[in-house]
Amino acid sequence: MADASHIEAALALMLQAHSYSTELACEAWEFAVEIVALRQAGLTNSDLRWLLHRSLVEQAQEVTMPGESRRRFGPRGGSLLCDQSCFILTAAGVLLGQSGDSLFPCVGPLPPAELTIRIQTNGDKCPCWDKDRRALWFDGELVKQFKVPAQNQETILATFEEEKWPPRVDDPLSMHFNIDPKRRLHDTINSLNRNQRVNRLRFLGDGSGQAILWEPIAAADNLETHHQYAGSDAAPRGAAQNGASHRGRERAAAEPSLRKLHHIAPSLPASEG
């Protein structure tokens, strides 16, 4: 099997493709990742078949003809690979990529908690972003650790760290064609606030859609309060309930595959990411 960093890189490619298809409200197969791109990321055919059998990805052969305006694919499924094979994430793959649940432990031991406590010149505590371990700390507590690359979130955290955690930074994410930067920033803020191990940090928009703020959460604050401020604008109650319902259905669909994954996790190599 390829080392875990190659698996992570491949999952990141497919998660990015999933994000683009979601952003543009088009079928996931429009952004299916070609087998050549995954091989360039370091995967072998055996790695790809392993991902297929673990129900993390789905594959189909692309049959698009020259001059056609939309991509077309043959029958989906199976583990027979060819040069025209393309891949998308399943619900379990998306859930794995977006959540803190991972097959790949972070390389190396975490530092002693006291080494992660940061005090600003005004006496206030501020977060600590460990880019090598993809770990976000606050006041000696591990708030969040990424197991699969999350480029947008990590870029924002790296910007805060580089600027020594001011209250506000401008949106540091690169411009992309057909991507609404305000929507992308809003979604990234939501992602930063999700899956925190301890509820100690809150990220918010400044109302312009062009900057991001952070603030500490008292240790006694509950998770419900945290979720009320997940994005740059408060979502209507109905929208939040619908979103929660959708996430619940997605998790329910993915959990059987994830349960199988946990049984084989100890056999995997440690991540270099």
C-alpha atoms as a PDB file:
ATOM      1  CA  MET A   1       0.000   0.000   0.000  1.00  0.00           C
ATOM      2  CA  ALA A   2       1.154   3.544  -0.649  1.00  0.00           C
ATOM      3  CA  ASP A   3       2.106   5.463   2.486  1.00  0.00           C
ATOM      4  CA  ALA A   4      -0.673   7.318   4.225  1.00  0.00           C
ATOM      5  CA  SER A   5       0.402  10.722   2.892  1.00  0.00           C
ATOM      6  CA  HIS A   6      -0.363   9.518  -0.665  1.00  0.00           C
ATOM      7  CA  ILE A   7      -3.785   8.240   0.403  1.00  0.00           C
ATOM      8  CA  GLU A   8      -4.468  11.592   2.056  1.00  0.00           C
ATOM      9  CA  ALA A   9      -3.390  13.506  -1.053  1.00  0.00           C
ATOM     10  CA  ALA A  10      -5.701  11.441  -3.253  1.00  0.00           C
ATOM     11  CA  LEU A  11      -8.640  11.886  -0.885  1.00  0.00           C
ATOM     12  CA  ALA A  12      -7.942  15.618  -0.844  1.00  0.00           C
ATOM     13  CA  LEU A  13      -8.097  15.761  -4.662  1.00  0.00           C
ATOM     14  CA  MET A  14     -11.456  14.009  -4.693  1.00  0.00           C
ATOM     15  CA  LEU A  15     -12.785  16.081  -1.792  1.00  0.00           C
ATOM     16  CA  GLN A  16     -11.882  19.239  -3.689  1.00  0.00           C
ATOM     17  CA  ALA A  17     -13.714  17.904  -6.746  1.00  0.00           C
ATOM     18  CA  HIS A  18     -16.732  17.132  -4.546  1.00  0.00           C
ATOM     19  CA  SER A  19     -16.652  20.688  -3.181  1.00  0.00           C
ATOM     20  CA  TYR A  20     -16.614  22.161  -6.678  1.00  0.00           C
ATOM     21  CA  SER A  21     -19.556  20.062  -7.829  1.00  0.00           C
ATOM     22  CA  THR A  22     -21.492  21.025  -4.707  1.00  0.00           C
ATOM     23  CA  GLU A  23     -20.679  24.711  -5.167  1.00  0.00           C
ATOM     24  CA  LEU A  24     -21.895  24.640  -8.774  1.00  0.00           C
ATOM     25  CA  ALA A  25     -24.910  22.420  -7.975  1.00  0.00           C
ATOM     26  CA  CYS A  26     -23.974  19.918 -10.670  1.00  0.00           C
ATOM     27  CA  GLU A  27     -23.634  16.133 -10.718  1.00  0.00           C
ATOM     28  CA  ALA A  28     -20.576  14.837  -8.882  1.00  0.00           C
ATOM     29  CA  TRP A  29     -19.442  12.955 -11.990  1.00  0.00           C
ATOM     30  CA  GLU A  30     -18.851  16.261 -13.817  1.00  0.00           C
ATOM     31  CA  PHE A  31     -15.803  16.625 -11.541  1.00  0.00           C
ATOM     32  CA  ALA A  32     -14.793  12.955 -11.383  1.00  0.00           C
ATOM     33  CA  VAL A  33     -11.023  12.654 -10.909  1.00  0.00           C
ATOM     34  CA  GLU A  34      -9.130  10.780 -13.620  1.00  0.00           C
ATOM     35  CA  ILE A  35      -7.032   7.761 -12.684  1.00  0.00           C
ATOM     36  CA  VAL A  36      -3.909   9.426 -14.086  1.00  0.00           C
ATOM     37  CA  ALA A  37      -4.245  12.248 -11.521  1.00  0.00           C
ATOM     38  CA  LEU A  38      -4.551   9.754  -8.672  1.00  0.00           C
ATOM     39  CA  ARG A  39      -1.545   7.807  -9.910  1.00  0.00           C
ATOM     40  CA  GLN A  40       0.401  11.058 -10.024  1.00  0.00           C
ATOM     41  CA  ALA A  41      -0.604  11.550  -6.380  1.00  0.00           C
ATOM     42  CA  GLY A  42       1.198   8.281  -5.645  1.00  0.00           C
ATOM     43  CA  LEU A  43      -1.565   5.659  -5.667  1.00  0.00           C
ATOM     44  CA  THR A  44      -1.162   2.197  -7.163  1.00  0.00           C
ATOM     45  CA  ASN A  45      -3.933   0.068  -8.642  1.00  0.00           C
ATOM     46  CA  SER A  46      -3.995  -1.909  -5.403  1.00  0.00           C
ATOM     47  CA  ASP A  47      -4.519   1.285  -3.409  1.00  0.00           C
ATOM     48  CA  LEU A  48      -7.410   2.235  -5.673  1.00  0.00           C
ATOM     49  CA  ARG A  49      -9.018  -1.190  -5.330  1.00  0.00           C
ATOM     50  CA  TRP A  50      -8.593  -0.972  -1.556  1.00  0.00           C
ATOM     51  CA  LEU A  51     -10.441   2.372  -1.557  1.00  0.00           C
ATOM     52  CA  LEU A  52     -13.173   0.842  -3.723  1.00  0.00           C
ATOM     53  CA  HIS A  53     -13.617  -2.197  -1.484  1.00  0.00           C
ATOM     54  CA  ARG A  54     -13.737   0.063   1.581  1.00  0.00           C
ATOM     55  CA  SER A  55     -16.599   1.978  -0.130  1.00  0.00           C
ATOM     56  CA  LEU A  56     -14.740   5.292   0.109  1.00  0.00           C
ATOM     57  CA  VAL A  57     -14.789   5.897  -3.653  1.00  0.00           C
ATOM     58  CA  GLU A  58     -16.836   4.932  -6.684  1.00  0.00           C
ATOM     59  CA  GLN A  59     -15.437   4.523 -10.184  1.00  0.00           C
ATOM     60  CA  ALA A  60     -16.692   4.453 -13.756  1.00  0.00           C
ATOM     61  CA  GLN A  61     -15.111   4.475 -17.202  1.00  0.00           C
ATOM     62  CA  GLU A  62     -15.356   7.791 -19.020  1.00  0.00           C
ATOM     63  CA  VAL A  63     -16.808   7.415 -22.535  1.00  0.00           C
ATOM     64  CA  THR A  64     -17.065  11.087 -23.510  1.00  0.00           C
ATOM     65  CA  MET A  65     -16.577  11.620 -27.231  1.00  0.00           C
ATOM     66  CA  PRO A  66     -14.769  14.600 -28.803  1.00  0.00           C
ATOM     67  CA  GLY A  67     -17.143  17.507 -29.300  1.00  0.00           C
ATOM     68  CA  GLU A  68     -19.568  16.497 -26.538  1.00  0.00           C
ATOM     69  CA  SER A  69     -20.412  19.266 -24.087  1.00  0.00           C
ATOM     70  CA  ARG A  70     -20.848  17.044 -21.020  1.00  0.00           C
ATOM     71  CA  ARG A  71     -18.892  14.139 -19.629  1.00  0.00           C
ATOM     72  CA  ARG A  72     -20.399  10.673 -20.055  1.00  0.00           C
ATOM     73  CA  PHE A  73     -19.587   7.486 -18.179  1.00  0.00           C
ATOM     74  CA  GLY A  74     -20.224   3.786 -18.582  1.00  0.00           C
ATOM     75  CA  PRO A  75     -21.572   1.460 -15.896  1.00  0.00           C
ATOM     76  CA  ARG A  76     -20.466   2.418 -12.399  1.00  0.00           C
ATOM     77  CA  GLY A  77     -18.906   0.172  -9.806  1.00  0.00           C
ATOM     78  CA  GLY A  78     -16.582  -2.813  -9.807  1.00  0.00           C
ATOM     79  CA  SER A  79     -12.827  -2.922  -9.335  1.00  0.00           C
ATOM     80  CA  LEU A  80     -11.750  -3.401 -12.965  1.00  0.00           C
ATOM     81  CA  LEU A  81      -9.492  -0.441 -13.761  1.00  0.00           C
ATOM     82  CA  CYS A  82      -8.445   1.069 -17.073  1.00  0.00           C
ATOM     83  CA  ASP A  83      -6.877   4.282 -18.351  1.00  0.00           C
ATOM     84  CA  GLN A  84     -10.341   5.857 -18.662  1.00  0.00           C
ATOM     85  CA  SER A  85     -11.353   5.117 -15.051  1.00  0.00           C
ATOM     86  CA  CYS A  86     -12.530   8.130 -13.074  1.00  0.00           C
ATOM     87  CA  PHE A  87     -13.385   8.366  -9.382  1.00  0.00           C
ATOM     88  CA  ILE A  88     -15.669  10.257  -7.010  1.00  0.00           C
ATOM     89  CA  LEU A  89     -16.049  10.046  -3.243  1.00  0.00           C
ATOM     90  CA  THR A  90     -18.932   8.105  -1.761  1.00  0.00           C
ATOM     91  CA  ALA A  91     -20.902   9.483   1.195  1.00  0.00           C
ATOM     92  CA  ALA A  92     -18.463   7.661   3.499  1.00  0.00           C
ATOM     93  CA  GLY A  93     -15.493   9.178   1.668  1.00  0.00           C
ATOM     94  CA  VAL A  94     -16.909  12.690   1.932  1.00  0.00           C
ATOM     95  CA  LEU A  95     -17.658  12.182   5.608  1.00  0.00           C
ATOM     96  CA  LEU A  96     -14.137  10.920   6.245  1.00  0.00           C
ATOM     97  CA  GLY A  97     -12.623  13.852   4.370  1.00  0.00           C
ATOM     98  CA  GLN A  98     -14.703  16.480   6.151  1.00  0.00           C
ATOM     99  CA  SER A  99     -14.641  15.106   9.676  1.00  0.00           C
ATOM    100  CA  GLY A 100     -12.011  14.521  12.303  1.00  0.00           C
ATOM    101  CA  ASP A 101     -12.526  10.750  12.035  1.00  0.00           C
ATOM    102  CA  SER A 102      -9.613   9.312  10.159  1.00  0.00           C
ATOM    103  CA  LEU A 103      -7.746   6.136   9.387  1.00  0.00           C
ATOM    104  CA  PHE A 104      -4.418   7.908   9.558  1.00  0.00           C
ATOM    105  CA  PRO A 105      -2.969   9.034  12.882  1.00  0.00           C
ATOM    106  CA  CYS A 106      -0.852  12.169  12.845  1.00  0.00           C
ATOM    107  CA  VAL A 107       2.882  11.524  12.694  1.00  0.00           C
ATOM    108  CA  GLY A 108       4.837  11.897  15.916  1.00  0.00           C
ATOM    109  CA  PRO A 109       3.648  12.515  19.455  1.00  0.00           C
ATOM    110  CA  LEU A 110       1.767  15.685  20.295  1.00  0.00           C
ATOM    111  CA  PRO A 111       3.796  18.223  22.252  1.00  0.00           C
ATOM    112  CA  PRO A 112       3.225  18.717  25.987  1.00  0.00           C
ATOM    113  CA  ALA A 113       0.095  20.815  26.471  1.00  0.00           C
ATOM    114  CA  GLU A 114       1.972  23.542  28.359  1.00  0.00           C
ATOM    115  CA  LEU A 115       4.096  24.229  25.279  1.00  0.00           C
ATOM    116  CA  THR A 116       0.979  25.145  23.285  1.00  0.00           C
ATOM    117  CA  ILE A 117      -0.174  27.933  25.613  1.00  0.00           C
ATOM    118  CA  ARG A 118       0.336  31.304  23.937  1.00  0.00           C
ATOM    119  CA  ILE A 119       0.087  34.659  25.720  1.00  0.00           C
ATOM    120  CA  GLN A 120      -0.136  37.885  23.702  1.00  0.00           C
ATOM    121  CA  THR A 121       1.601  41.084  24.765  1.00  0.00           C
ATOM    122  CA  ASN A 122      -1.656  42.399  26.256  1.00  0.00           C
ATOM    123  CA  GLY A 123      -1.902  39.357  28.493  1.00  0.00           C
ATOM    124  CA  ASP A 124      -4.687  37.628  26.551  1.00  0.00           C
ATOM    125  CA  LYS A 125      -4.343  33.993  25.525  1.00  0.00           C
ATOM    126  CA  CYS A 126      -4.352  33.163  21.808  1.00  0.00           C
ATOM    127  CA  PRO A 127      -4.474  29.933  19.769  1.00  0.00           C
ATOM    128  CA  CYS A 128      -1.473  27.965  18.531  1.00  0.00           C
ATOM    129  CA  TRP A 129      -1.494  26.409  15.046  1.00  0.00           C
ATOM    130  CA  ASP A 130       0.972  23.536  14.578  1.00  0.00           C
ATOM    131  CA  LYS A 131       1.116  23.186  10.797  1.00  0.00           C
ATOM    132  CA  ASP A 132       3.376  20.109  10.871  1.00  0.00           C
ATOM    133  CA  ARG A 133       0.870  18.107  12.920  1.00  0.00           C
ATOM    134  CA  ARG A 134      -2.158  20.002  11.538  1.00  0.00           C
ATOM    135  CA  ALA A 135      -3.177  20.685  15.136  1.00  0.00           C
ATOM    136  CA  LEU A 136      -4.982  23.731  16.547  1.00  0.00           C
ATOM    137  CA  TRP A 137      -4.482  24.405  20.256  1.00  0.00           C
ATOM    138  CA  PHE A 138      -5.890  26.902  22.736  1.00  0.00           C
ATOM    139  CA  ASP A 139      -4.920  27.311  26.375  1.00  0.00           C
ATOM    140  CA  GLY A 140      -3.205  23.927  26.432  1.00  0.00           C
ATOM    141  CA  GLU A 141      -6.170  22.059  24.924  1.00  0.00           C
ATOM    142  CA  LEU A 142      -6.227  20.376  21.528  1.00  0.00           C
ATOM    143  CA  VAL A 143      -9.174  22.028  19.760  1.00  0.00           C
ATOM    144  CA  LYS A 144      -8.929  20.443  16.336  1.00  0.00           C
ATOM    145  CA  GLN A 145      -6.618  18.179  14.361  1.00  0.00           C
ATOM    146  CA  PHE A 146      -6.887  17.565  10.641  1.00  0.00           C
ATOM    147  CA  LYS A 147      -6.330  13.985   9.497  1.00  0.00           C
ATOM    148  CA  VAL A 148      -6.939  14.709   5.802  1.00  0.00           C
ATOM    149  CA  PRO A 149      -5.648  17.894   4.137  1.00  0.00           C
ATOM    150  CA  ALA A 150      -8.134  20.782   4.404  1.00  0.00           C
ATOM    151  CA  GLN A 151      -6.489  23.451   2.294  1.00  0.00           C
ATOM    152  CA  ASN A 152      -8.876  26.342   2.908  1.00  0.00           C
ATOM    153  CA  GLN A 153      -9.076  25.863   6.669  1.00  0.00           C
ATOM    154  CA  GLU A 154      -5.335  25.338   7.000  1.00  0.00           C
ATOM    155  CA  THR A 155      -4.601  28.447   4.909  1.00  0.00           C
ATOM    156  CA  ILE A 156      -6.721  30.595   7.227  1.00  0.00           C
ATOM    157  CA  LEU A 157      -5.142  29.125  10.367  1.00  0.00           C
ATOM    158  CA  ALA A 158      -1.642  29.584   8.913  1.00  0.00           C
ATOM    159  CA  THR A 159      -2.463  33.230   8.161  1.00  0.00           C
ATOM    160  CA  PHE A 160      -3.628  33.845  11.724  1.00  0.00           C
ATOM    161  CA  GLU A 161      -0.490  32.122  13.060  1.00  0.00           C
ATOM    162  CA  GLU A 162       1.833  34.113  10.800  1.00  0.00           C
ATOM    163  CA  GLU A 163       0.227  37.381  11.905  1.00  0.00           C
ATOM    164  CA  LYS A 164       0.317  36.329  15.600  1.00  0.00           C
ATOM    165  CA  TRP A 165      -3.457  35.932  15.918  1.00  0.00           C
ATOM    166  CA  PRO A 166      -4.892  39.420  15.472  1.00  0.00           C
ATOM    167  CA  PRO A 167      -8.676  39.639  16.023  1.00  0.00           C
ATOM    168  CA  ARG A 168      -9.306  39.859  12.258  1.00  0.00           C
ATOM    169  CA  VAL A 169      -7.555  38.885   9.022  1.00  0.00           C
ATOM    170  CA  ASP A 170      -8.554  39.473   5.414  1.00  0.00           C
ATOM    171  CA  ASP A 171      -9.678  36.468   3.390  1.00  0.00           C
ATOM    172  CA  PRO A 172      -6.382  34.786   2.361  1.00  0.00           C
ATOM    173  CA  LEU A 173      -7.923  32.220   0.004  1.00  0.00           C
ATOM    174  CA  SER A 174      -6.892  32.344  -3.644  1.00  0.00           C
ATOM    175  CA  MET A 175      -9.396  33.379  -6.289  1.00  0.00           C
ATOM    176  CA  HIS A 176     -10.815  30.622  -8.490  1.00  0.00           C
ATOM    177  CA  PHE A 177     -12.911  30.875 -11.619  1.00  0.00           C
ATOM    178  CA  ASN A 178     -16.610  30.161 -10.978  1.00  0.00           C
ATOM    179  CA  ILE A 179     -16.123  30.075  -7.190  1.00  0.00           C
ATOM    180  CA  ASP A 180     -17.979  32.705  -5.154  1.00  0.00           C
ATOM    181  CA  PRO A 181     -15.333  33.873  -2.635  1.00  0.00           C
ATOM    182  CA  LYS A 182     -17.910  35.030  -0.068  1.00  0.00           C
ATOM    183  CA  ARG A 183     -19.726  31.710  -0.151  1.00  0.00           C
ATOM    184  CA  ARG A 184     -16.440  29.823   0.045  1.00  0.00           C
ATOM    185  CA  LEU A 185     -15.303  31.876   3.054  1.00  0.00           C
ATOM    186  CA  HIS A 186     -18.665  31.315   4.756  1.00  0.00           C
ATOM    187  CA  ASP A 187     -18.396  27.544   4.174  1.00  0.00           C
ATOM    188  CA  THR A 188     -14.811  27.487   5.445  1.00  0.00           C
ATOM    189  CA  ILE A 189     -15.821  29.326   8.623  1.00  0.00           C
ATOM    190  CA  ASN A 190     -18.534  26.729   9.180  1.00  0.00           C
ATOM    191  CA  SER A 191     -15.949  23.971   8.697  1.00  0.00           C
ATOM    192  CA  LEU A 192     -13.545  25.567  11.183  1.00  0.00           C
ATOM    193  CA  ASN A 193     -16.284  25.581  13.801  1.00  0.00           C
ATOM    194  CA  ARG A 194     -17.281  21.950  13.188  1.00  0.00           C
ATOM    195  CA  ASN A 195     -15.715  18.846  14.741  1.00  0.00           C
ATOM    196  CA  GLN A 196     -13.813  20.677  17.467  1.00  0.00           C
ATOM    197  CA  ARG A 197     -12.637  18.258  20.139  1.00  0.00           C
ATOM    198  CA  VAL A 198     -13.231  20.897  22.805  1.00  0.00           C
ATOM    199  CA  ASN A 199     -15.434  23.909  22.245  1.00  0.00           C
ATOM    200  CA  ARG A 200     -12.921  26.687  22.912  1.00  0.00           C
ATOM    201  CA  LEU A 201     -12.703  28.749  19.712  1.00  0.00           C
ATOM    202  CA  ARG A 202     -15.279  30.442  17.526  1.00  0.00           C
ATOM    203  CA  PHE A 203     -14.620  31.743  14.000  1.00  0.00           C
ATOM    204  CA  LEU A 204     -16.899  34.368  12.457  1.00  0.00           C
ATOM    205  CA  GLY A 205     -17.236  36.572   9.403  1.00  0.00           C
ATOM    206  CA  ASP A 206     -17.121  40.346   9.767  1.00  0.00           C
ATOM    207  CA  GLY A 207     -20.302  40.897   7.728  1.00  0.00           C
ATOM    208  CA  SER A 208     -18.471  41.924   4.546  1.00  0.00           C
ATOM    209  CA  GLY A 209     -17.719  38.417   3.304  1.00  0.00           C
ATOM    210  CA  GLN A 210     -14.071  39.459   2.945  1.00  0.00           C
ATOM    211  CA  ALA A 211     -12.553  38.804   6.362  1.00  0.00           C
ATOM    212  CA  ILE A 212     -12.601  36.355   9.234  1.00  0.00           C
ATOM    213  CA  LEU A 213     -12.477  36.897  12.994  1.00  0.00           C
ATOM    214  CA  TRP A 214     -11.818  34.620  15.942  1.00  0.00           C
ATOM    215  CA  GLU A 215     -12.727  34.731  19.595  1.00  0.00           C
ATOM    216  CA  PRO A 216     -12.266  32.433  22.587  1.00  0.00           C
ATOM    217  CA  ILE A 217     -15.137  30.498  24.114  1.00  0.00           C
ATOM    218  CA  ALA A 218     -15.233  30.094  27.873  1.00  0.00           C
ATOM    219  CA  ALA A 219     -14.693  26.492  28.907  1.00  0.00           C
ATOM    220  CA  ALA A 220     -18.163  26.436  30.466  1.00  0.00           C
ATOM    221  CA  ASP A 221     -19.943  27.447  27.255  1.00  0.00           C
ATOM    222  CA  ASN A 222     -21.952  24.637  25.696  1.00  0.00           C
ATOM    223  CA  LEU A 223     -21.864  23.279  22.164  1.00  0.00           C
ATOM    224  CA  GLU A 224     -25.318  24.598  21.322  1.00  0.00           C
ATOM    225  CA  THR A 225     -24.157  28.196  21.807  1.00  0.00           C
ATOM    226  CA  HIS A 226     -21.146  27.481  19.616  1.00  0.00           C
ATOM    227  CA  HIS A 227     -23.231  26.251  16.705  1.00  0.00           C
ATOM    228  CA  GLN A 228     -25.376  29.396  16.724  1.00  0.00           C
ATOM    229  CA  TYR A 229     -22.334  31.332  15.510  1.00  0.00           C
ATOM    230  CA  ALA A 230     -20.895  28.791  13.110  1.00  0.00           C
ATOM    231  CA  GLY A 231     -20.827  31.044  10.029  1.00  0.00           C
ATOM    232  CA  SER A 232     -20.542  34.681   9.075  1.00  0.00           C
ATOM    233  CA  ASP A 233     -24.329  35.100   9.145  1.00  0.00           C
ATOM    234  CA  ALA A 234     -26.873  33.326  11.324  1.00  0.00           C
ATOM    235  CA  ALA A 235     -28.810  30.732   9.334  1.00  0.00           C
ATOM    236  CA  PRO A 236     -32.613  30.653   9.625  1.00  0.00           C
ATOM    237  CA  ARG A 237     -33.827  28.025  12.076  1.00  0.00           C
ATOM    238  CA  GLY A 238     -35.522  26.050   9.310  1.00  0.00           C
ATOM    239  CA  ALA A 239     -32.362  26.012   7.223  1.00  0.00           C
ATOM    240  CA  ALA A 240     -30.324  24.826  10.194  1.00  0.00           C
ATOM    241  CA  GLN A 241     -32.798  22.045  10.897  1.00  0.00           C
ATOM    242  CA  ASN A 242     -32.830  20.988   7.259  1.00  0.00           C
ATOM    243  CA  GLY A 243     -29.039  21.012   7.204  1.00  0.00           C
ATOM    244  CA  ALA A 244     -28.888  18.912  10.348  1.00  0.00           C
ATOM    245  CA  SER A 245     -31.391  16.480   8.867  1.00  0.00           C
ATOM    246  CA  HIS A 246     -29.345  16.193   5.675  1.00  0.00           C
ATOM    247  CA  ARG A 247     -26.116  15.614   7.623  1.00  0.00           C
ATOM    248  CA  GLY A 248     -27.880  12.992   9.688  1.00  0.00           C
ATOM    249  CA  ARG A 249     -28.978  11.093   6.587  1.00  0.00           C
ATOM    250  CA  GLU A 250     -25.499  11.384   5.080  1.00  0.00           C
ATOM    251  CA  ARG A 251     -23.862  10.082   8.274  1.00  0.00           C
ATOM    252  CA  ALA A 252     -26.369   7.230   8.502  1.00  0.00           C
ATOM    253  CA  ALA A 253     -25.527   6.212   4.925  1.00  0.00           C
ATOM    254  CA  ALA A 254     -21.807   6.379   5.606  1.00  0.00           C
ATOM    255  CA  GLU A 255     -21.570   4.809   9.060  1.00  0.00           C
ATOM    256  CA  PRO A 256     -21.625   1.127   7.930  1.00  0.00           C
ATOM    257  CA  SER A 257     -18.550   1.746   5.802  1.00  0.00           C
ATOM    258  CA  LEU A 258     -16.836   3.729   8.533  1.00  0.00           C
ATOM    259  CA  ARG A 259     -17.470   0.972  11.068  1.00  0.00           C
ATOM    260  CA  LYS A 260     -15.709  -1.476   8.760  1.00  0.00           C
ATOM    261  CA  LEU A 261     -12.807   0.956   8.402  1.00  0.00           C
ATOM    262  CA  HIS A 262     -12.147   1.168  12.127  1.00  0.00           C
ATOM    263  CA  HIS A 263     -11.479  -2.596  12.216  1.00  0.00           C
ATOM    264  CA  ILE A 264      -8.591  -2.300   9.778  1.00  0.00           C
ATOM    265  CA  ALA A 265      -7.159   1.033  10.956  1.00  0.00           C
ATOM    266  CA  PRO A 266      -4.295  -0.492  13.015  1.00  0.00           C
ATOM    267  CA  SER A 267      -2.794  -2.049   9.870  1.00  0.00           C
ATOM    268  CA  LEU A 268      -2.239   1.303   8.204  1.00  0.00           C
ATOM    269  CA  PRO A 269       1.082   3.176   8.196  1.00  0.00           C
ATOM    270  CA  ALA A 270       1.426   6.455  10.063  1.00  0.00           C
ATOM    271  CA  SER A 271       0.738   9.641   8.135  1.00  0.00           C
ATOM    272  CA  GLU A 272       3.533  12.004   7.187  1.00  0.00           C
ATOM    273  CA  GLY A 273       1.040  14.905   7.102  1.00  0.00           C
END
